[in-house]
PDB file of N, CA and C in Angstrom:
ATOM      1  N   MET A   1      84.199 153.205-149.896  1.00  0.00           N
ATOM      2  CA  MET A   1      84.048 152.916-148.481  1.00  0.00           C
ATOM      3  C   MET A   1      84.697 151.565-148.176  1.00  0.00           C
ATOM      4  N   SER A   2      85.545 151.554-147.174  1.00  0.00           N
ATOM      5  CA  SER A   2      86.232 150.326-146.789  1.00  0.00           C
ATOM      6  C   SER A   2      85.398 149.541-145.797  1.00  0.00           C
ATOM      7  N   TYR A   3      85.472 148.231-145.922  1.00  0.00           N
ATOM      8  CA  TYR A   3      84.780 147.358-144.997  1.00  0.00           C
ATOM      9  C   TYR A   3      85.826 146.741-144.083  1.00  0.00           C
ATOM     10  N   GLY A   4      85.635 146.883-142.801  1.00  0.00           N
ATOM     11  CA  GLY A   4      86.560 146.307-141.853  1.00  0.00           C
ATOM     12  C   GLY A   4      86.361 146.914-140.478  1.00  0.00           C
ATOM     13  N   PHE A   5      87.221 146.538-139.562  1.00  0.00           N
ATOM     14  CA  PHE A   5      87.148 147.028-138.193  1.00  0.00           C
ATOM     15  C   PHE A   5      87.924 148.326-138.055  1.00  0.00           C
ATOM     16  N   THR A   6      87.309 149.338-137.452  1.00  0.00           N
ATOM     17  CA  THR A   6      88.004 150.597-137.219  1.00  0.00           C
ATOM     18  C   THR A   6      88.635 150.637-135.832  1.00  0.00           C
ATOM     19  N   ALA A   7      88.222 149.743-134.955  1.00  0.00           N
ATOM     20  CA  ALA A   7      88.770 149.694-133.602  1.00  0.00           C
ATOM     21  C   ALA A   7      89.332 148.303-133.308  1.00  0.00           C
ATOM     22  N   PRO A   8      90.586 148.240-132.884  1.00  0.00           N
ATOM     23  CA  PRO A   8      91.183 146.950-132.524  1.00  0.00           C
ATOM     24  C   PRO A   8      90.360 146.206-131.481  1.00  0.00           C
ATOM     25  N   ARG A   9      89.770 146.944-130.564  1.00  0.00           N
ATOM     26  CA  ARG A   9      88.941 146.334-129.515  1.00  0.00           C
ATOM     27  C   ARG A   9      87.789 145.536-130.134  1.00  0.00           C
ATOM     28  N   ASN A  10      87.120 146.124-131.114  1.00  0.00           N
ATOM     29  CA  ASN A  10      86.000 145.442-131.767  1.00  0.00           C
ATOM     30  C   ASN A  10      86.465 144.206-132.540  1.00  0.00           C
ATOM     31  N   ALA A  11      87.610 144.329-133.194  1.00  0.00           N
ATOM     32  CA  ALA A  11      88.156 143.190-133.929  1.00  0.00           C
ATOM     33  C   ALA A  11      88.475 142.040-132.976  1.00  0.00           C
ATOM     34  N   ALA A  12      89.088 142.368-131.836  1.00  0.00           N
ATOM     35  CA  ALA A  12      89.434 141.345-130.847  1.00  0.00           C
ATOM     36  C   ALA A  12      88.185 140.683-130.282  1.00  0.00           C
ATOM     37  N   MET A  13      87.161 141.464-129.996  1.00  0.00           N
ATOM     38  CA  MET A  13      85.919 140.896-129.463  1.00  0.00           C
ATOM     39  C   MET A  13      85.263 139.958-130.478  1.00  0.00           C
ATOM     40  N   GLU A  14      85.316 140.334-131.749  1.00  0.00           N
ATOM     41  CA  GLU A  14      84.734 139.480-132.786  1.00  0.00           C
ATOM     42  C   GLU A  14      85.510 138.174-132.908  1.00  0.00           C
ATOM     43  N   LEU A  15      86.828 138.242-132.820  1.00  0.00           N
ATOM     44  CA  LEU A  15      87.634 137.025-132.839  1.00  0.00           C
ATOM     45  C   LEU A  15      87.259 136.105-131.682  1.00  0.00           C
ATOM     46  N   LEU A  16      87.062 136.684-130.506  1.00  0.00           N
ATOM     47  CA  LEU A  16      86.684 135.875-129.346  1.00  0.00           C
ATOM     48  C   LEU A  16      85.328 135.214-129.537  1.00  0.00           C
ATOM     49  N   LYS A  17      84.429 135.851-130.272  1.00  0.00           N
ATOM     50  CA  LYS A  17      83.084 135.305-130.466  1.00  0.00           C
ATOM     51  C   LYS A  17      83.014 134.230-131.536  1.00  0.00           C
ATOM     52  N   VAL A  18      83.758 134.390-132.615  1.00  0.00           N
ATOM     53  CA  VAL A  18      83.516 133.527-133.769  1.00  0.00           C
ATOM     54  C   VAL A  18      84.610 132.528-134.101  1.00  0.00           C
ATOM     55  N   ALA A  19      85.785 132.708-133.599  1.00  0.00           N
ATOM     56  CA  ALA A  19      86.896 131.878-134.056  1.00  0.00           C
ATOM     57  C   ALA A  19      87.331 130.860-133.000  1.00  0.00           C
ATOM     58  N   PRO A  20      87.687 129.655-133.431  1.00  0.00           N
ATOM     59  CA  PRO A  20      88.336 128.720-132.501  1.00  0.00           C
ATOM     60  C   PRO A  20      89.786 129.179-132.331  1.00  0.00           C
ATOM     61  N   LEU A  21      90.115 129.669-131.166  1.00  0.00           N
ATOM     62  CA  LEU A  21      91.439 130.243-130.908  1.00  0.00           C
ATOM     63  C   LEU A  21      92.274 129.330-130.030  1.00  0.00           C
ATOM     64  N   THR A  22      93.595 129.425-130.193  1.00  0.00           N
ATOM     65  CA  THR A  22      94.502 128.765-129.257  1.00  0.00           C
ATOM     66  C   THR A  22      94.469 129.566-127.960  1.00  0.00           C
ATOM     67  N   SER A  23      95.003 129.014-126.895  1.00  0.00           N
ATOM     68  CA  SER A  23      95.006 129.743-125.618  1.00  0.00           C
ATOM     69  C   SER A  23      95.813 131.032-125.735  1.00  0.00           C
ATOM     70  N   ARG A  24      96.883 131.008-126.491  1.00  0.00           N
ATOM     71  CA  ARG A  24      97.704 132.208-126.667  1.00  0.00           C
ATOM     72  C   ARG A  24      96.938 133.280-127.446  1.00  0.00           C
ATOM     73  N   GLU A  25      96.257 132.869-128.513  1.00  0.00           N
ATOM     74  CA  GLU A  25      95.466 133.804-129.302  1.00  0.00           C
ATOM     75  C   GLU A  25      94.315 134.375-128.463  1.00  0.00           C
ATOM     76  N   GLY A  26      93.662 133.517-127.692  1.00  0.00           N
ATOM     77  CA  GLY A  26      92.560 133.968-126.849  1.00  0.00           C
ATOM     78  C   GLY A  26      93.009 134.946-125.787  1.00  0.00           C
ATOM     79  N   SER A  27      94.151 134.686-125.197  1.00  0.00           N
ATOM     80  CA  SER A  27      94.704 135.586-124.192  1.00  0.00           C
ATOM     81  C   SER A  27      95.013 136.948-124.809  1.00  0.00           C
ATOM     82  N   PHE A  28      95.625 136.933-125.970  1.00  0.00           N
ATOM     83  CA  PHE A  28      95.958 138.170-126.689  1.00  0.00           C
ATOM     84  C   PHE A  28      94.690 138.960-127.004  1.00  0.00           C
ATOM     85  N   CYS A  29      93.683 138.280-127.547  1.00  0.00           N
ATOM     86  CA  CYS A  29      92.439 138.962-127.904  1.00  0.00           C
ATOM     87  C   CYS A  29      91.715 139.476-126.666  1.00  0.00           C
ATOM     88  N   GLY A  30      91.762 138.714-125.579  1.00  0.00           N
ATOM     89  CA  GLY A  30      91.159 139.166-124.330  1.00  0.00           C
ATOM     90  C   GLY A  30      91.803 140.435-123.813  1.00  0.00           C
ATOM     91  N   GLN A  31      93.119 140.507-123.908  1.00  0.00           N
ATOM     92  CA  GLN A  31      93.827 141.723-123.493  1.00  0.00           C
ATOM     93  C   GLN A  31      93.397 142.909-124.345  1.00  0.00           C
ATOM     94  N   LEU A  32      93.345 142.713-125.653  1.00  0.00           N
ATOM     95  CA  LEU A  32      92.975 143.808-126.552  1.00  0.00           C
ATOM     96  C   LEU A  32      91.534 144.249-126.342  1.00  0.00           C
ATOM     97  N   ALA A  33      90.655 143.299-126.111  1.00  0.00           N
ATOM     98  CA  ALA A  33      89.231 143.607-125.979  1.00  0.00           C
ATOM     99  C   ALA A  33      88.946 144.496-124.774  1.00  0.00           C
ATOM    100  N   PHE A  34      89.785 144.425-123.756  1.00  0.00           N
ATOM    101  CA  PHE A  34      89.519 145.173-122.541  1.00  0.00           C
ATOM    102  C   PHE A  34      90.638 146.143-122.180  1.00  0.00           C
ATOM    103  N   SER A  35      91.408 146.563-123.173  1.00  0.00           N
ATOM    104  CA  SER A  35      92.512 147.491-122.952  1.00  0.00           C
ATOM    105  C   SER A  35      92.193 148.859-123.544  1.00  0.00           C
ATOM    106  N   ASP A  36      92.653 149.885-122.855  1.00  0.00           N
ATOM    107  CA  ASP A  36      92.509 151.248-123.361  1.00  0.00           C
ATOM    108  C   ASP A  36      93.800 151.742-124.023  1.00  0.00           C
ATOM    109  N   GLN A  37      94.813 150.913-124.044  1.00  0.00           N
ATOM    110  CA  GLN A  37      96.110 151.296-124.593  1.00  0.00           C
ATOM    111  C   GLN A  37      96.123 151.156-126.117  1.00  0.00           C
ATOM    112  N   PRO A  38      96.839 152.053-126.815  1.00  0.00           N
ATOM    113  CA  PRO A  38      96.988 151.894-128.263  1.00  0.00           C
ATOM    114  C   PRO A  38      97.835 150.661-128.577  1.00  0.00           C
ATOM    115  N   LEU A  39      97.654 150.118-129.761  1.00  0.00           N
ATOM    116  CA  LEU A  39      98.405 148.932-130.170  1.00  0.00           C
ATOM    117  C   LEU A  39      99.844 149.280-130.518  1.00  0.00           C
ATOM    118  N   SER A  40     100.746 148.376-130.163  1.00  0.00           N
ATOM    119  CA  SER A  40     102.120 148.488-130.645  1.00  0.00           C
ATOM    120  C   SER A  40     102.134 147.960-132.083  1.00  0.00           C
ATOM    121  N   ASP A  41     103.221 148.164-132.788  1.00  0.00           N
ATOM    122  CA  ASP A  41     103.330 147.645-134.149  1.00  0.00           C
ATOM    123  C   ASP A  41     103.227 146.120-134.169  1.00  0.00           C
ATOM    124  N   ARG A  42     103.838 145.460-133.200  1.00  0.00           N
ATOM    125  CA  ARG A  42     103.785 143.994-133.137  1.00  0.00           C
ATOM    126  C   ARG A  42     102.370 143.488-132.863  1.00  0.00           C
ATOM    127  N   GLN A  43     101.663 144.178-131.955  1.00  0.00           N
ATOM    128  CA  GLN A  43     100.282 143.791-131.671  1.00  0.00           C
ATOM    129  C   GLN A  43      99.393 143.977-132.901  1.00  0.00           C
ATOM    130  N   ARG A  44      99.564 145.106-133.578  1.00  0.00           N
ATOM    131  CA  ARG A  44      98.774 145.381-134.783  1.00  0.00           C
ATOM    132  C   ARG A  44      99.042 144.311-135.848  1.00  0.00           C
ATOM    133  N   ASN A  45     100.301 143.944-136.001  1.00  0.00           N
ATOM    134  CA  ASN A  45     100.670 142.932-136.984  1.00  0.00           C
ATOM    135  C   ASN A  45     100.008 141.583-136.655  1.00  0.00           C
ATOM    136  N   TRP A  46     100.081 141.175-135.386  1.00  0.00           N
ATOM    137  CA  TRP A  46      99.506 139.883-135.019  1.00  0.00           C
ATOM    138  C   TRP A  46      97.983 139.904-135.139  1.00  0.00           C
ATOM    139  N   LEU A  47      97.361 141.009-134.754  1.00  0.00           N
ATOM    140  CA  LEU A  47      95.905 141.106-134.899  1.00  0.00           C
ATOM    141  C   LEU A  47      95.521 141.011-136.373  1.00  0.00           C
ATOM    142  N   THR A  48      96.279 141.646-137.235  1.00  0.00           N
ATOM    143  CA  THR A  48      96.033 141.569-138.679  1.00  0.00           C
ATOM    144  C   THR A  48      96.136 140.129-139.169  1.00  0.00           C
ATOM    145  N   ILE A  49      97.151 139.418-138.706  1.00  0.00           N
ATOM    146  CA  ILE A  49      97.335 138.006-139.083  1.00  0.00           C
ATOM    147  C   ILE A  49      96.159 137.158-138.594  1.00  0.00           C
ATOM    148  N   LEU A  50      95.741 137.366-137.348  1.00  0.00           N
ATOM    149  CA  LEU A  50      94.634 136.581-136.799  1.00  0.00           C
ATOM    150  C   LEU A  50      93.328 136.844-137.547  1.00  0.00           C
ATOM    151  N   LEU A  51      93.064 138.094-137.875  1.00  0.00           N
ATOM    152  CA  LEU A  51      91.841 138.419-138.619  1.00  0.00           C
ATOM    153  C   LEU A  51      91.848 137.715-139.971  1.00  0.00           C
ATOM    154  N   ASP A  52      92.978 137.752-140.640  1.00  0.00           N
ATOM    155  CA  ASP A  52      93.091 137.092-141.940  1.00  0.00           C
ATOM    156  C   ASP A  52      92.955 135.576-141.804  1.00  0.00           C
ATOM    157  N   ARG A  53      93.636 135.017-140.830  1.00  0.00           N
ATOM    158  CA  ARG A  53      93.632 133.569-140.606  1.00  0.00           C
ATOM    159  C   ARG A  53      92.227 133.036-140.338  1.00  0.00           C
ATOM    160  N   HIS A  54      91.409 133.836-139.677  1.00  0.00           N
ATOM    161  CA  HIS A  54      90.075 133.388-139.303  1.00  0.00           C
ATOM    162  C   HIS A  54      88.986 133.964-140.200  1.00  0.00           C
ATOM    163  N   GLY A  55      89.380 134.528-141.353  1.00  0.00           N
ATOM    164  CA  GLY A  55      88.414 134.961-142.357  1.00  0.00           C
ATOM    165  C   GLY A  55      87.580 136.163-141.975  1.00  0.00           C
ATOM    166  N   LEU A  56      88.115 137.031-141.127  1.00  0.00           N
ATOM    167  CA  LEU A  56      87.396 138.238-140.728  1.00  0.00           C
ATOM    168  C   LEU A  56      87.937 139.449-141.471  1.00  0.00           C
ATOM    169  N   PRO A  57      87.140 140.520-141.550  1.00  0.00           N
ATOM    170  CA  PRO A  57      87.601 141.731-142.242  1.00  0.00           C
ATOM    171  C   PRO A  57      88.846 142.306-141.560  1.00  0.00           C
ATOM    172  N   PRO A  58      89.644 143.066-142.293  1.00  0.00           N
ATOM    173  CA  PRO A  58      90.868 143.636-141.735  1.00  0.00           C
ATOM    174  C   PRO A  58      90.597 144.877-140.898  1.00  0.00           C
ATOM    175  N   LEU A  59      91.633 145.348-140.233  1.00  0.00           N
ATOM    176  CA  LEU A  59      91.583 146.660-139.598  1.00  0.00           C
ATOM    177  C   LEU A  59      91.669 147.701-140.710  1.00  0.00           C
ATOM    178  N   VAL A  60      90.912 148.763-140.579  1.00  0.00           N
ATOM    179  CA  VAL A  60      90.967 149.863-141.536  1.00  0.00           C
ATOM    180  C   VAL A  60      91.345 151.126-140.799  1.00  0.00           C
ATOM    181  N   ALA A  61      91.573 152.194-141.537  1.00  0.00           N
ATOM    182  CA  ALA A  61      91.970 153.465-140.920  1.00  0.00           C
ATOM    183  C   ALA A  61      91.033 153.806-139.768  1.00  0.00           C
ATOM    184  N   GLY A  62      91.605 154.375-138.758  1.00  0.00           N
ATOM    185  CA  GLY A  62      90.853 154.678-137.554  1.00  0.00           C
ATOM    186  C   GLY A  62      91.350 153.757-136.467  1.00  0.00           C
ATOM    187  N   ASP A  63      92.141 154.288-135.554  1.00  0.00           N
ATOM    188  CA  ASP A  63      92.839 153.441-134.603  1.00  0.00           C
ATOM    189  C   ASP A  63      92.307 153.584-133.187  1.00  0.00           C
ATOM    190  N   ALA A  64      91.058 153.938-133.019  1.00  0.00           N
ATOM    191  CA  ALA A  64      90.511 154.049-131.671  1.00  0.00           C
ATOM    192  C   ALA A  64      90.502 152.675-131.014  1.00  0.00           C
ATOM    193  N   SER A  65      90.952 152.617-129.781  1.00  0.00           N
ATOM    194  CA  SER A  65      90.990 151.335-129.064  1.00  0.00           C
ATOM    195  C   SER A  65      89.683 150.894-128.584  1.00  0.00           C
TER     196      SER A  65
END
């Protein structure tokens, strides 16, 4: 069983709650937290980087927004 976020929305909300973010990172996470759109490859990559940078679990299989 993998441990991590199955929904980008949940990952973004957790980043907003626990991490000291730059304004750019906060804006990005705010968009993801309240968006119904699937992630682009670039968005997925940056979200993965932010999760790692702030010591949070990664995204795992399951791409529900």
